Amino acid sequence: MNTFRITLLMVIFLIIFSGLSVLVAFYQLVRGPEIAAKAVAMRSQQIELKEYDRGTIWDRNHQPLTGIHTASALYCFPRQYFAQAQPSGKNTAIGDSMINRLVQRLAVLIPELNQEQAAKEIKNSIRSGEACVRLVTDLSSSQVARLQTQAIPGVVVAPVQKRYSVDGFLAHVIGTVEQSKASRGLSGIERVYDKVLSNSPSSLELVSVKDARGETINGLMYKIRQRQDQSKGSVVLTIDKRVQIEVEKVMDQRVKKGAVVVMDVKTRQVLAMASRPTFNPYQVSQVISTNQESALMNRALTSYHPGSLFKILVAAAALDKGVVDFSTAFHCSGAYRFNEQLEISCWKEEGHGDLTFEQALAFSCNPAFIEIARLVGRQALEEYTGKLHITDENLVGYGPYYAGSYVHIYPGPAGLGNAALGQQGVQLTPLQLTTLLATIADDGQWIPPSLVLHYIDEQGHKHYPDLPAPEQVLSADTARKLQHMLVLTLEEGTGRSASLPEISMAGKTGTSQTGQVNEQQEEILNTWFGGYLPASNPRWAMVVMVEEGISGAESAAPVFKDLAKSLLQLYSIAG
């Protein structure tokens, strides 16, 4: 009987021991990392080092377009400061006077500190239980030195990841956010993808380790911790950061007011889009109140009279309808006369004399193109406007941008003539004209332009925008004839100032009247150059628009030339 009881007890103890062993193993091996993380969380306090708690916007090569700059910032852990400032053993309630004394102490070191705002933020953080608050974002080197010398408990100088470039790099595309804790997207990609970016789980944190009393452990002060899931809650653009940098560099040198769009011919993905003047995303309110140049306006998505770039569409309709061929003859005496009272001049006062259709485009002859438009007819021109989607205002991944573009040919011969020259009755954006050139370069196949490759939700799933199927809007034969004519424009015509010896390119100049005059009573002109390269195997379409220029050949074509050089160097291609 005793033997039985001993055996039973041993079995029971064995079962209990085995169960405890399994339980210990479970908590150590299975739930160990989770428990360790919770323990660390209980013994640490964190502050987000990103200026705005939002996801990253990337370029096509997964290079960050936001969060690429850092600054020194002033952080305060109020409870830690007051715990060490109070006499030992006392736990006095933190009142306004104590907060004000702290703020005044900091203001001595940083005279620029907004004391009222700082006191309000400290008070709110104590009330809400928030461990830390950022009081100043951009500290100077002298301010940093003073703060570090003082070594105030609970006051830390640490980096802050700035979201934007103060020089306005890609500002019109990226957009801006509300400068508050809500950081709601107000414009650009920030607005369109606000929900995605505001739900990003990625973080960059300042962490301090605490003891059982909740006080920071000396020797284990502050560490920076970054989660490795930065791709979640982010947006990937079609923009190539390298190309964008080159575009903005050239524009800073040559274009005070205007726009540039660079597009991949095969995919219609926008590789660069820039507008000048640009703006500091941190000073939007000042720009609105003081800037007279409409710096917030994205000129790449704004409608203008396109001038002679519209002759490309007129030529396309004429060739496709078969009303002209390369050898069709025209005569230019310097003006097209509608009647005794009305005529439209050619840019060349003495006229071009006798010339063929292909020469008419190369030399951008106004009278010849008014006659070509008359041969095509108003109805056919409007038909090709729709057929080539030239007024389409949808940018894939971004949505409609509502530029108010249109082709509306006014009644009468003069209305048709003005429209043929891209003046009255025609308003188009630089992006729309770039898409037109890409359509021609791609043998007449239309694809809508796109700005976003995909976005990644907070779970890490990729979402791609819907792309309509490519559409053949011009016959390949017509497109190739136009390609020949646009090459001729650079080789022999008005576009020679854009040509490069190492590569063949195609393009067209344009100059449009604005109906305005400057202080010197001179007419203000908008100048254009649009084209693509290489001519034999088109890869990039590009449009340059310079406001208040001299002519397309003098103001816009050299910008195109410089950017073409940059593209060739970046992608190492020639021929």
Protein backbone atom coordinates (compact mmCIF):
# COMPACT_ATOMS: atom_id res chain seq x y z
CA MET A 1 0.00 0.00 0.00
CA ASN A 2 2.84 2.37 0.95
CA THR A 3 4.62 1.52 -2.28
CA PHE A 4 1.48 2.42 -4.25
CA ARG A 5 1.16 5.78 -2.50
CA ILE A 6 4.80 6.63 -3.09
CA THR A 7 4.49 5.70 -6.76
CA LEU A 8 1.32 7.81 -7.12
CA LEU A 9 2.98 10.79 -5.49
CA MET A 10 5.99 10.44 -7.76
CA VAL A 11 3.74 10.31 -10.84
CA ILE A 12 1.81 13.38 -9.63
CA PHE A 13 5.04 15.29 -8.96
CA LEU A 14 6.36 14.22 -12.37
CA ILE A 15 3.21 15.46 -14.09
CA ILE A 16 3.38 18.77 -12.20
CA PHE A 17 7.09 19.19 -12.95
CA SER A 18 6.57 18.34 -16.62
CA GLY A 19 3.70 20.82 -16.84
CA LEU A 20 5.80 23.56 -15.23
CA SER A 21 8.69 22.78 -17.57
CA VAL A 22 6.42 23.03 -20.61
CA LEU A 23 4.95 26.30 -19.29
CA VAL A 24 8.40 27.78 -18.65
CA ALA A 25 9.57 26.69 -22.11
CA PHE A 26 6.46 28.22 -23.66
CA TYR A 27 7.04 31.60 -22.02
CA GLN A 28 10.75 31.54 -22.72
CA LEU A 29 10.78 30.27 -26.29
CA VAL A 30 7.39 31.19 -27.73
CA ARG A 31 6.35 34.33 -25.88
CA GLY A 32 9.81 35.37 -24.76
CA PRO A 33 10.39 38.12 -27.37
CA GLU A 34 6.89 39.53 -26.78
CA ILE A 35 7.33 39.62 -22.98
CA ALA A 36 10.81 41.13 -23.32
CA ALA A 37 9.43 43.85 -25.58
CA LYS A 38 6.67 44.63 -23.07
CA ALA A 39 9.20 44.75 -20.26
CA VAL A 40 11.37 47.18 -22.21
CA ALA A 41 8.29 49.26 -23.02
CA MET A 42 7.41 49.43 -19.31
CA ARG A 43 10.96 50.57 -18.53
CA SER A 44 11.36 53.05 -21.39
CA GLN A 45 9.87 56.24 -22.75
CA GLN A 46 9.90 57.26 -26.40
CA ILE A 47 9.49 60.38 -28.48
CA GLU A 48 8.94 60.35 -32.24
CA LEU A 49 11.89 62.06 -33.93
CA LYS A 50 10.11 62.53 -37.25
CA GLU A 51 8.84 66.06 -37.68
CA TYR A 52 5.46 64.74 -38.77
CA ASP A 53 4.23 61.25 -37.95
CA ARG A 54 3.72 60.30 -41.58
CA GLY A 55 4.94 57.71 -44.04
CA THR A 56 7.70 58.26 -46.58
CA ILE A 57 7.23 59.39 -50.18
CA TRP A 58 9.76 57.54 -52.38
CA ASP A 59 11.04 57.98 -55.93
CA ARG A 60 10.92 55.17 -58.52
CA ASN A 61 14.30 53.80 -57.32
CA HIS A 62 13.12 53.75 -53.69
CA GLN A 63 15.13 56.84 -52.81
CA PRO A 64 13.37 58.96 -50.17
CA LEU A 65 11.85 62.25 -51.30
CA THR A 66 10.75 63.19 -47.78
CA GLY A 67 12.64 62.98 -44.50
CA ILE A 68 16.05 63.43 -46.11
CA HIS A 69 17.24 66.32 -43.93
CA THR A 70 17.83 66.58 -40.19
CA ALA A 71 18.04 69.46 -37.75
CA SER A 72 18.83 69.79 -34.06
CA ALA A 73 15.73 70.01 -31.88
CA LEU A 74 14.98 70.71 -28.24
CA TYR A 75 13.01 67.97 -26.44
CA CYS A 76 11.70 68.10 -22.89
CA PHE A 77 10.63 65.25 -20.58
CA PRO A 78 8.58 67.38 -18.13
CA ARG A 79 7.96 64.73 -15.44
CA GLN A 80 11.60 63.78 -15.38
CA TYR A 81 12.63 67.42 -15.00
CA PHE A 82 10.19 68.13 -12.18
CA ALA A 83 10.96 64.84 -10.39
CA GLN A 84 14.63 65.77 -10.15
CA ALA A 85 13.95 69.46 -9.47
CA GLN A 86 11.76 68.76 -6.39
CA PRO A 87 13.22 68.15 -2.90
CA SER A 88 13.88 64.48 -2.12
CA GLY A 89 10.85 62.59 -0.88
CA LYS A 90 8.32 65.21 -1.98
CA ASN A 91 5.79 64.70 -4.72
CA THR A 92 4.38 68.19 -5.27
CA ALA A 93 1.74 68.73 -7.92
CA ILE A 94 3.15 70.42 -11.02
CA GLY A 95 1.58 73.87 -11.24
CA ASP A 96 1.70 76.74 -13.74
CA SER A 97 4.39 78.58 -11.77
CA MET A 98 6.71 75.56 -11.93
CA ILE A 99 6.14 75.22 -15.67
CA ASN A 100 6.75 78.93 -16.21
CA ARG A 101 10.04 78.78 -14.29
CA LEU A 102 11.21 75.92 -16.51
CA VAL A 103 10.24 77.83 -19.64
CA GLN A 104 11.99 80.98 -18.42
CA ARG A 105 15.12 78.96 -17.69
CA LEU A 106 15.08 77.65 -21.26
CA ALA A 107 14.35 81.11 -22.69
CA VAL A 108 17.57 82.42 -21.16
CA LEU A 109 19.44 79.91 -23.35
CA ILE A 110 17.13 80.28 -26.36
CA PRO A 111 15.78 83.87 -26.50
CA GLU A 112 13.78 83.00 -29.65
CA LEU A 113 11.68 80.46 -27.69
CA ASN A 114 7.96 81.23 -27.79
CA GLN A 115 7.41 81.06 -24.03
CA GLU A 116 3.63 81.09 -24.13
CA GLN A 117 3.47 78.25 -26.66
CA ALA A 118 6.18 76.24 -24.87
CA ALA A 119 4.33 76.49 -21.52
CA LYS A 120 1.10 75.41 -23.21
CA GLU A 121 2.73 72.36 -24.81
CA ILE A 122 4.41 71.28 -21.56
CA LYS A 123 1.13 71.63 -19.67
CA ASN A 124 -0.72 69.60 -22.32
CA SER A 125 1.89 66.84 -22.26
CA ILE A 126 1.61 66.53 -18.46
CA ARG A 127 -2.18 66.47 -18.62
CA SER A 128 -2.29 63.85 -21.39
CA GLY A 129 0.49 61.69 -19.93
CA GLU A 130 2.69 62.24 -22.96
CA ALA A 131 6.28 61.52 -21.94
CA CYS A 132 8.03 64.08 -24.09
CA VAL A 133 7.40 67.24 -26.07
CA ARG A 134 9.42 68.95 -28.80
CA LEU A 135 9.71 72.65 -28.00
CA VAL A 136 12.04 73.94 -30.76
CA THR A 137 12.68 72.29 -34.12
CA ASP A 138 15.59 74.24 -35.63
CA LEU A 139 18.35 74.99 -33.12
CA SER A 140 21.47 76.88 -34.14
CA SER A 141 24.90 75.47 -33.31
CA SER A 142 25.38 78.11 -30.59
CA GLN A 143 22.03 77.22 -29.01
CA VAL A 144 22.96 73.53 -29.03
CA ALA A 145 26.28 74.33 -27.32
CA ARG A 146 24.59 76.39 -24.60
CA LEU A 147 22.01 73.69 -23.85
CA GLN A 148 24.60 70.92 -23.74
CA THR A 149 26.79 72.96 -21.37
CA GLN A 150 23.89 73.45 -18.95
CA ALA A 151 22.89 69.73 -18.97
CA ILE A 152 19.39 70.41 -17.61
CA PRO A 153 17.70 67.19 -16.36
CA GLY A 154 14.87 66.10 -18.65
CA VAL A 155 15.97 68.51 -21.41
CA VAL A 156 17.56 66.85 -24.43
CA VAL A 157 19.04 68.04 -27.71
CA ALA A 158 18.45 65.41 -30.39
CA PRO A 159 18.01 65.27 -34.15
CA VAL A 160 14.64 65.75 -35.80
CA GLN A 161 13.96 64.29 -39.21
CA LYS A 162 12.72 67.21 -41.33
CA ARG A 163 10.07 66.18 -43.83
CA TYR A 164 10.74 68.81 -46.50
CA SER A 165 13.58 70.65 -48.18
CA VAL A 166 13.48 74.36 -47.36
CA ASP A 167 14.70 75.14 -50.90
CA GLY A 168 11.38 73.87 -52.30
CA PHE A 169 12.72 70.72 -53.99
CA LEU A 170 9.75 68.93 -55.62
CA ALA A 171 7.48 71.04 -53.42
CA HIS A 172 4.61 71.32 -55.92
CA VAL A 173 4.44 67.54 -56.36
CA ILE A 174 4.96 66.44 -52.75
CA GLY A 175 2.68 69.16 -51.36
CA THR A 176 2.31 70.29 -47.76
CA VAL A 177 0.67 69.30 -44.49
CA GLU A 178 -1.03 71.16 -41.69
CA GLN A 179 1.65 72.33 -39.26
CA SER A 180 0.06 70.72 -36.22
CA LYS A 181 -0.01 67.34 -34.49
CA ALA A 182 -2.82 66.29 -36.83
CA SER A 183 -0.49 67.02 -39.83
CA ARG A 184 -3.35 66.62 -42.31
CA GLY A 185 -2.30 66.67 -45.98
CA LEU A 186 -3.22 69.97 -47.63
CA SER A 187 -1.87 69.74 -51.19
CA GLY A 188 -0.05 67.51 -53.67
CA ILE A 189 0.68 63.87 -52.91
CA GLU A 190 0.33 64.68 -49.20
CA ARG A 191 -3.35 65.47 -49.79
CA VAL A 192 -4.16 62.74 -52.31
CA TYR A 193 -2.59 60.00 -50.14
CA ASP A 194 -3.27 61.54 -46.73
CA LYS A 195 -4.98 58.41 -45.39
CA VAL A 196 -2.11 56.14 -46.45
CA LEU A 197 0.67 58.40 -45.19
CA SER A 198 -1.00 59.25 -41.88
CA ASN A 199 -1.43 55.54 -41.04
CA SER A 200 2.22 54.60 -41.45
CA PRO A 201 3.53 52.34 -38.64
CA SER A 202 7.15 53.35 -39.21
CA SER A 203 8.89 55.38 -36.55
CA LEU A 204 12.13 57.01 -35.55
CA GLU A 205 12.23 57.24 -31.77
CA LEU A 206 14.30 58.70 -28.99
CA VAL A 207 14.28 56.14 -26.17
CA SER A 208 15.34 56.44 -22.53
CA VAL A 209 15.49 53.50 -20.05
CA LYS A 210 13.85 53.99 -16.63
CA ASP A 211 14.25 52.27 -13.29
CA ALA A 212 11.43 50.96 -11.08
CA ARG A 213 10.69 54.49 -9.85
CA GLY A 214 10.30 55.74 -13.45
CA GLU A 215 13.55 57.72 -13.42
CA THR A 216 16.11 57.62 -16.20
CA ILE A 217 19.02 55.28 -15.43
CA ASN A 218 22.34 57.10 -15.62
CA GLY A 219 24.65 55.57 -18.20
CA LEU A 220 21.65 54.30 -20.19
CA MET A 221 20.49 57.72 -21.28
CA TYR A 222 18.97 58.25 -24.70
CA LYS A 223 19.19 56.05 -27.76
CA ILE A 224 17.70 56.42 -31.22
CA ARG A 225 15.62 53.51 -32.44
CA GLN A 226 14.23 53.12 -35.95
CA ARG A 227 11.72 50.49 -36.95
CA GLN A 228 12.56 48.57 -40.09
CA ASP A 229 9.11 48.77 -41.70
CA GLN A 230 9.49 52.19 -43.33
CA SER A 231 7.93 51.02 -46.57
CA LYS A 232 4.55 50.50 -44.92
CA GLY A 233 2.15 53.40 -45.20
CA SER A 234 4.19 54.99 -47.99
CA VAL A 235 3.84 56.12 -51.61
CA VAL A 236 6.21 55.33 -54.49
CA LEU A 237 6.24 57.93 -57.29
CA THR A 238 7.32 57.59 -60.91
CA ILE A 239 9.72 60.49 -60.30
CA ASP A 240 13.42 59.76 -60.78
CA LYS A 241 15.15 61.81 -58.09
CA ARG A 242 18.33 62.10 -60.15
CA VAL A 243 16.46 63.61 -63.10
CA GLN A 244 14.44 65.88 -60.81
CA ILE A 245 17.64 67.23 -59.24
CA GLU A 246 19.09 68.06 -62.68
CA VAL A 247 15.85 69.70 -63.82
CA GLU A 248 15.64 71.89 -60.74
CA LYS A 249 19.34 72.80 -60.98
CA VAL A 250 18.97 73.98 -64.59
CA MET A 251 15.75 75.85 -63.81
CA ASP A 252 17.38 77.66 -60.89
CA GLN A 253 20.00 78.91 -63.34
CA ARG A 254 17.82 79.67 -66.36
CA VAL A 255 14.09 79.81 -65.56
CA LYS A 256 12.73 82.41 -63.17
CA LYS A 257 9.11 81.57 -64.02
CA GLY A 258 7.99 78.48 -65.90
CA ALA A 259 7.75 74.70 -65.88
CA VAL A 260 9.50 71.54 -67.08
CA VAL A 261 8.06 68.05 -67.52
CA VAL A 262 10.19 64.99 -68.38
CA MET A 263 8.35 61.78 -69.31
CA ASP A 264 9.27 58.20 -70.17
CA VAL A 265 8.00 57.72 -73.74
CA LYS A 266 7.13 54.02 -73.45
CA THR A 267 5.31 54.13 -70.11
CA ARG A 268 4.25 57.83 -69.91
CA GLN A 269 5.58 57.86 -66.36
CA VAL A 270 6.58 61.35 -65.25
CA LEU A 271 10.30 61.28 -64.38
CA ALA A 272 10.49 64.93 -63.36
CA MET A 273 8.05 67.78 -62.89
CA ALA A 274 9.15 71.19 -61.71
CA SER A 275 7.63 74.65 -61.47
CA ARG A 276 9.27 78.00 -60.85
CA PRO A 277 9.16 79.96 -58.68
CA THR A 278 9.05 77.34 -55.97
CA PHE A 279 8.36 77.83 -52.26
CA ASN A 280 9.48 76.84 -48.77
CA PRO A 281 6.89 74.31 -47.48
CA TYR A 282 7.38 75.68 -43.97
CA GLN A 283 6.42 79.21 -45.00
CA VAL A 284 3.23 78.74 -46.98
CA SER A 285 1.32 81.45 -45.13
CA GLN A 286 4.11 83.98 -45.77
CA VAL A 287 4.18 83.02 -49.45
CA ILE A 288 0.42 83.54 -49.73
CA SER A 289 0.59 86.97 -48.12
CA THR A 290 3.74 88.37 -49.74
CA ASN A 291 4.59 86.52 -52.98
CA GLN A 292 3.35 88.18 -56.16
CA GLU A 293 4.60 85.46 -58.53
CA SER A 294 2.04 82.75 -57.63
CA ALA A 295 4.78 80.50 -56.27
CA LEU A 296 2.28 77.94 -54.93
CA MET A 297 0.88 77.33 -58.42
CA ASN A 298 2.17 74.21 -60.17
CA ARG A 299 2.77 75.64 -63.62
CA ALA A 300 3.30 72.16 -65.09
CA LEU A 301 -0.41 71.51 -64.43
CA THR A 302 -1.62 75.00 -65.40
CA SER A 303 -3.20 75.94 -68.74
CA TYR A 304 -1.50 78.36 -71.13
CA HIS A 305 -1.78 79.28 -74.80
CA PRO A 306 0.68 76.74 -76.26
CA GLY A 307 1.64 78.83 -79.27
CA SER A 308 3.27 76.96 -82.13
CA LEU A 309 3.43 73.67 -80.24
CA PHE A 310 -0.23 73.33 -81.21
CA LYS A 311 0.87 73.25 -84.86
CA ILE A 312 1.94 69.65 -84.15
CA LEU A 313 -1.72 68.65 -83.69
CA VAL A 314 -2.75 70.63 -86.79
CA ALA A 315 -0.05 68.85 -88.79
CA ALA A 316 -1.16 65.47 -87.41
CA ALA A 317 -4.76 66.05 -88.48
CA ALA A 318 -3.67 67.30 -91.92
CA LEU A 319 -1.47 64.26 -92.57
CA ASP A 320 -3.95 61.76 -91.15
CA LYS A 321 -6.78 63.24 -93.25
CA GLY A 322 -4.59 63.22 -96.35
CA VAL A 323 -5.18 66.90 -97.19
CA VAL A 324 -1.40 67.54 -97.44
CA ASP A 325 1.85 65.70 -97.99
CA PHE A 326 5.49 66.70 -97.50
CA SER A 327 5.67 68.46 -100.87
CA THR A 328 2.40 70.44 -100.66
CA ALA A 329 3.38 74.03 -101.51
CA PHE A 330 2.59 77.22 -99.60
CA HIS A 331 3.60 80.85 -99.91
CA CYS A 332 4.32 83.23 -97.03
CA SER A 333 4.52 86.97 -97.70
CA GLY A 334 4.84 87.86 -94.03
CA ALA A 335 1.15 87.80 -93.10
CA TYR A 336 -2.08 85.93 -93.73
CA ARG A 337 -4.77 88.35 -94.87
CA PHE A 338 -8.39 87.42 -94.13
CA ASN A 339 -9.79 90.65 -95.59
CA GLU A 340 -8.82 94.30 -96.04
CA GLN A 341 -9.15 94.99 -92.31
CA LEU A 342 -7.82 91.76 -90.76
CA GLU A 343 -4.56 89.89 -91.04
CA ILE A 344 -2.29 87.73 -88.84
CA SER A 345 1.44 88.32 -89.16
CA CYS A 346 4.17 85.74 -89.44
CA TRP A 347 6.97 85.91 -86.87
CA LYS A 348 9.30 86.49 -89.83
CA GLU A 349 8.30 89.98 -90.98
CA GLU A 350 9.58 89.61 -94.54
CA GLY A 351 7.92 86.21 -94.89
CA HIS A 352 9.27 82.77 -95.76
CA GLY A 353 8.42 82.95 -99.45
CA ASP A 354 7.67 79.62 -101.13
CA LEU A 355 7.95 76.59 -98.88
CA THR A 356 6.68 73.01 -98.56
CA PHE A 357 4.54 71.52 -95.82
CA GLU A 358 7.48 69.93 -94.02
CA GLN A 359 9.37 73.23 -94.19
CA ALA A 360 6.31 75.07 -92.87
CA LEU A 361 6.53 73.11 -89.59
CA ALA A 362 10.32 73.27 -89.42
CA PHE A 363 10.27 77.08 -89.81
CA SER A 364 6.99 77.49 -87.86
CA CYS A 365 5.35 79.55 -90.59
CA ASN A 366 2.10 81.14 -89.35
CA PRO A 367 0.40 81.90 -92.70
CA ALA A 368 1.11 78.37 -93.96
CA PHE A 369 -0.48 76.81 -90.85
CA ILE A 370 -3.53 79.05 -91.04
CA GLU A 371 -4.02 77.76 -94.57
CA ILE A 372 -3.40 74.16 -93.42
CA ALA A 373 -6.03 74.57 -90.69
CA ARG A 374 -8.46 75.88 -93.32
CA LEU A 375 -7.80 72.76 -95.45
CA VAL A 376 -8.34 70.46 -92.41
CA GLY A 377 -11.48 72.30 -91.26
CA ARG A 378 -12.85 73.29 -87.88
CA GLN A 379 -14.76 70.05 -87.31
CA ALA A 380 -11.78 67.81 -88.07
CA LEU A 381 -9.48 69.83 -85.78
CA GLU A 382 -11.93 69.48 -82.91
CA GLU A 383 -12.26 65.78 -83.74
CA TYR A 384 -8.48 65.25 -83.47
CA THR A 385 -8.40 67.22 -80.23
CA GLY A 386 -10.61 64.54 -78.71
CA LYS A 387 -9.01 61.66 -80.57
CA LEU A 388 -5.52 62.48 -79.26
CA HIS A 389 -6.85 63.15 -75.71
CA ILE A 390 -4.97 66.43 -75.75
CA THR A 391 -7.22 68.13 -73.17
CA ASP A 392 -7.35 65.10 -70.84
CA GLU A 393 -6.67 66.32 -67.28
CA ASN A 394 -6.20 63.00 -65.49
CA LEU A 395 -2.80 62.12 -64.05
CA VAL A 396 -2.80 58.43 -63.12
CA GLY A 397 -2.19 57.90 -59.41
CA TYR A 398 -2.86 61.57 -58.72
CA GLY A 399 -6.31 62.06 -60.17
CA PRO A 400 -7.84 64.96 -62.09
CA TYR A 401 -5.95 68.21 -61.66
CA TYR A 402 -8.62 70.59 -63.02
CA ALA A 403 -6.51 72.96 -65.11
CA GLY A 404 -9.43 74.21 -67.20
CA SER A 405 -7.68 73.32 -70.46
CA TYR A 406 -9.68 73.42 -73.68
CA VAL A 407 -9.66 73.69 -77.44
CA HIS A 408 -12.60 75.85 -78.46
CA ILE A 409 -12.34 77.23 -81.98
CA TYR A 410 -14.12 80.56 -82.23
CA PRO A 411 -16.46 81.20 -85.20
CA GLY A 412 -15.17 82.62 -88.44
CA PRO A 413 -11.90 82.27 -90.38
CA ALA A 414 -9.94 84.38 -87.87
CA GLY A 415 -11.08 82.15 -85.01
CA LEU A 416 -9.79 79.10 -86.89
CA GLY A 417 -6.56 80.93 -87.70
CA ASN A 418 -5.90 81.90 -84.08
CA ALA A 419 -6.56 78.36 -82.90
CA ALA A 420 -4.19 76.94 -85.52
CA LEU A 421 -1.39 79.04 -83.99
CA GLY A 422 -2.20 77.93 -80.42
CA GLN A 423 -3.56 81.31 -79.38
CA GLN A 424 -7.15 82.37 -78.76
CA GLY A 425 -9.39 79.34 -78.19
CA VAL A 426 -6.59 76.99 -77.08
CA GLN A 427 -5.35 76.47 -73.50
CA LEU A 428 -3.17 73.47 -72.62
CA THR A 429 -0.79 72.43 -69.85
CA PRO A 430 2.91 71.55 -70.19
CA LEU A 431 2.01 68.00 -69.07
CA GLN A 432 -0.61 67.64 -71.84
CA LEU A 433 1.85 68.83 -74.47
CA THR A 434 4.50 66.40 -73.20
CA THR A 435 1.98 63.57 -73.52
CA LEU A 436 1.20 64.67 -77.11
CA LEU A 437 4.89 64.53 -78.03
CA ALA A 438 5.24 61.10 -76.37
CA THR A 439 2.25 59.85 -78.40
CA ILE A 440 3.95 60.91 -81.63
CA ALA A 441 7.30 59.47 -80.54
CA ASP A 442 5.55 56.17 -79.72
CA ASP A 443 4.20 55.74 -83.28
CA GLY A 444 0.77 57.21 -82.50
CA GLN A 445 -0.04 55.15 -79.41
CA TRP A 446 -1.68 57.05 -76.53
CA ILE A 447 -1.28 56.16 -72.84
CA PRO A 448 -2.28 58.57 -70.06
CA PRO A 449 0.54 60.11 -68.00
CA SER A 450 1.16 58.71 -64.52
CA LEU A 451 2.82 60.04 -61.37
CA VAL A 452 2.44 57.15 -58.88
CA LEU A 453 3.82 53.61 -59.31
CA HIS A 454 2.01 52.24 -56.24
CA TYR A 455 1.32 52.82 -52.59
CA ILE A 456 1.95 50.45 -49.69
CA ASP A 457 -0.67 50.19 -46.95
CA GLU A 458 0.04 49.76 -43.23
CA GLN A 459 0.00 45.95 -43.60
CA GLY A 460 2.66 46.12 -46.33
CA HIS A 461 0.37 45.31 -49.28
CA LYS A 462 1.07 47.11 -52.56
CA HIS A 463 -1.77 48.81 -54.43
CA TYR A 464 -1.33 49.80 -58.07
CA PRO A 465 -3.39 52.45 -59.89
CA ASP A 466 -5.66 51.35 -62.72
CA LEU A 467 -4.13 51.95 -66.14
CA PRO A 468 -6.33 52.03 -69.25
CA ALA A 469 -5.21 49.97 -72.23
CA PRO A 470 -2.96 51.74 -74.79
CA GLU A 471 -4.93 53.27 -77.66
CA GLN A 472 -3.79 53.80 -81.25
CA VAL A 473 -4.95 57.38 -81.85
CA LEU A 474 -2.84 58.10 -84.94
CA SER A 475 -1.74 55.74 -87.65
CA ALA A 476 1.87 54.67 -87.30
CA ASP A 477 2.52 56.09 -90.77
CA THR A 478 1.24 59.54 -89.77
CA ALA A 479 3.25 59.46 -86.53
CA ARG A 480 6.46 58.57 -88.39
CA LYS A 481 5.94 61.41 -90.86
CA LEU A 482 5.56 63.79 -87.95
CA GLN A 483 8.70 62.34 -86.36
CA HIS A 484 10.61 63.15 -89.56
CA MET A 485 9.29 66.73 -89.55
CA LEU A 486 10.19 67.28 -85.89
CA VAL A 487 13.75 66.05 -86.54
CA LEU A 488 13.97 68.47 -89.47
CA THR A 489 12.93 71.30 -87.11
CA LEU A 490 16.06 70.74 -85.00
CA GLU A 491 18.36 70.13 -87.93
CA GLU A 492 17.31 72.98 -90.21
CA GLY A 493 14.52 74.98 -88.59
CA THR A 494 13.70 77.07 -85.54
CA GLY A 495 14.85 74.39 -83.10
CA ARG A 496 18.54 74.40 -84.00
CA SER A 497 19.50 76.07 -80.70
CA ALA A 498 18.35 72.89 -78.92
CA SER A 499 20.38 70.44 -81.02
CA LEU A 500 23.34 68.40 -79.77
CA PRO A 501 26.15 67.08 -82.00
CA GLU A 502 26.30 63.70 -80.27
CA ILE A 503 22.66 62.71 -80.67
CA SER A 504 19.71 63.26 -82.99
CA MET A 505 16.62 64.78 -81.35
CA ALA A 506 13.18 65.93 -82.44
CA GLY A 507 11.20 68.94 -81.28
CA LYS A 508 9.31 72.15 -81.86
CA THR A 509 9.60 75.75 -80.69
CA GLY A 510 6.67 77.86 -79.59
CA THR A 511 5.97 81.45 -78.58
CA SER A 512 2.58 82.56 -77.30
CA GLN A 513 1.13 85.99 -76.66
CA THR A 514 -0.35 86.71 -73.25
CA GLY A 515 -2.14 89.97 -74.07
CA GLN A 516 -0.15 91.69 -71.30
CA VAL A 517 2.67 94.22 -71.30
CA ASN A 518 5.49 94.79 -68.79
CA GLU A 519 6.62 98.02 -67.14
CA GLN A 520 8.58 98.92 -70.27
CA GLN A 521 5.36 98.53 -72.30
CA GLU A 522 6.79 95.49 -74.07
CA GLU A 523 4.54 92.56 -74.87
CA ILE A 524 4.89 89.67 -72.41
CA LEU A 525 5.43 86.35 -74.18
CA ASN A 526 5.44 82.77 -72.94
CA THR A 527 8.05 80.67 -74.72
CA TRP A 528 8.14 76.93 -75.33
CA PHE A 529 10.22 74.04 -76.52
CA GLY A 530 8.91 70.51 -76.66
CA GLY A 531 10.62 67.44 -78.00
CA TYR A 532 11.96 63.94 -77.43
CA LEU A 533 15.21 62.00 -77.64
CA PRO A 534 16.90 60.04 -79.04
CA ALA A 535 15.09 60.60 -82.35
CA SER A 536 15.84 57.08 -83.64
CA ASN A 537 14.69 55.27 -80.48
CA PRO A 538 12.70 57.72 -78.33
CA ARG A 539 13.09 57.29 -74.57
CA TRP A 540 12.20 60.69 -73.11
CA ALA A 541 9.71 63.36 -74.03
CA MET A 542 10.18 66.80 -72.52
CA VAL A 543 8.49 70.20 -72.54
CA VAL A 544 10.05 73.44 -71.31
CA MET A 545 7.90 76.52 -70.75
CA VAL A 546 9.47 79.86 -69.84
CA GLU A 547 7.20 82.72 -68.89
CA GLU A 548 8.16 86.23 -69.98
CA GLY A 549 10.71 84.90 -72.45
CA ILE A 550 12.02 86.26 -75.74
CA SER A 551 11.23 83.36 -78.08
CA GLY A 552 11.06 79.59 -77.97
CA ALA A 553 14.40 79.32 -79.76
CA GLU A 554 16.16 81.80 -77.48
CA SER A 555 14.58 81.17 -74.06
CA ALA A 556 13.27 77.58 -73.93
CA ALA A 557 15.37 75.60 -76.44
CA PRO A 558 18.70 76.09 -74.56
CA VAL A 559 17.04 74.76 -71.37
CA PHE A 560 15.90 71.69 -73.32
CA LYS A 561 19.44 71.26 -74.61
CA ASP A 562 20.99 71.39 -71.14
CA LEU A 563 18.46 68.89 -69.79
CA ALA A 564 19.03 66.57 -72.75
CA LYS A 565 22.76 66.56 -71.91
CA SER A 566 21.94 65.69 -68.31
CA LEU A 567 19.71 62.79 -69.36
CA LEU A 568 22.43 61.38 -71.60
CA GLN A 569 24.98 61.59 -68.79
CA LEU A 570 22.63 60.04 -66.23
CA TYR A 571 21.63 57.13 -68.42
CA SER A 572 24.88 56.84 -70.42
CA ILE A 573 23.23 56.64 -73.83
CA ALA A 574 24.06 58.12 -77.20
CA GLY A 575 22.92 57.62 -80.78
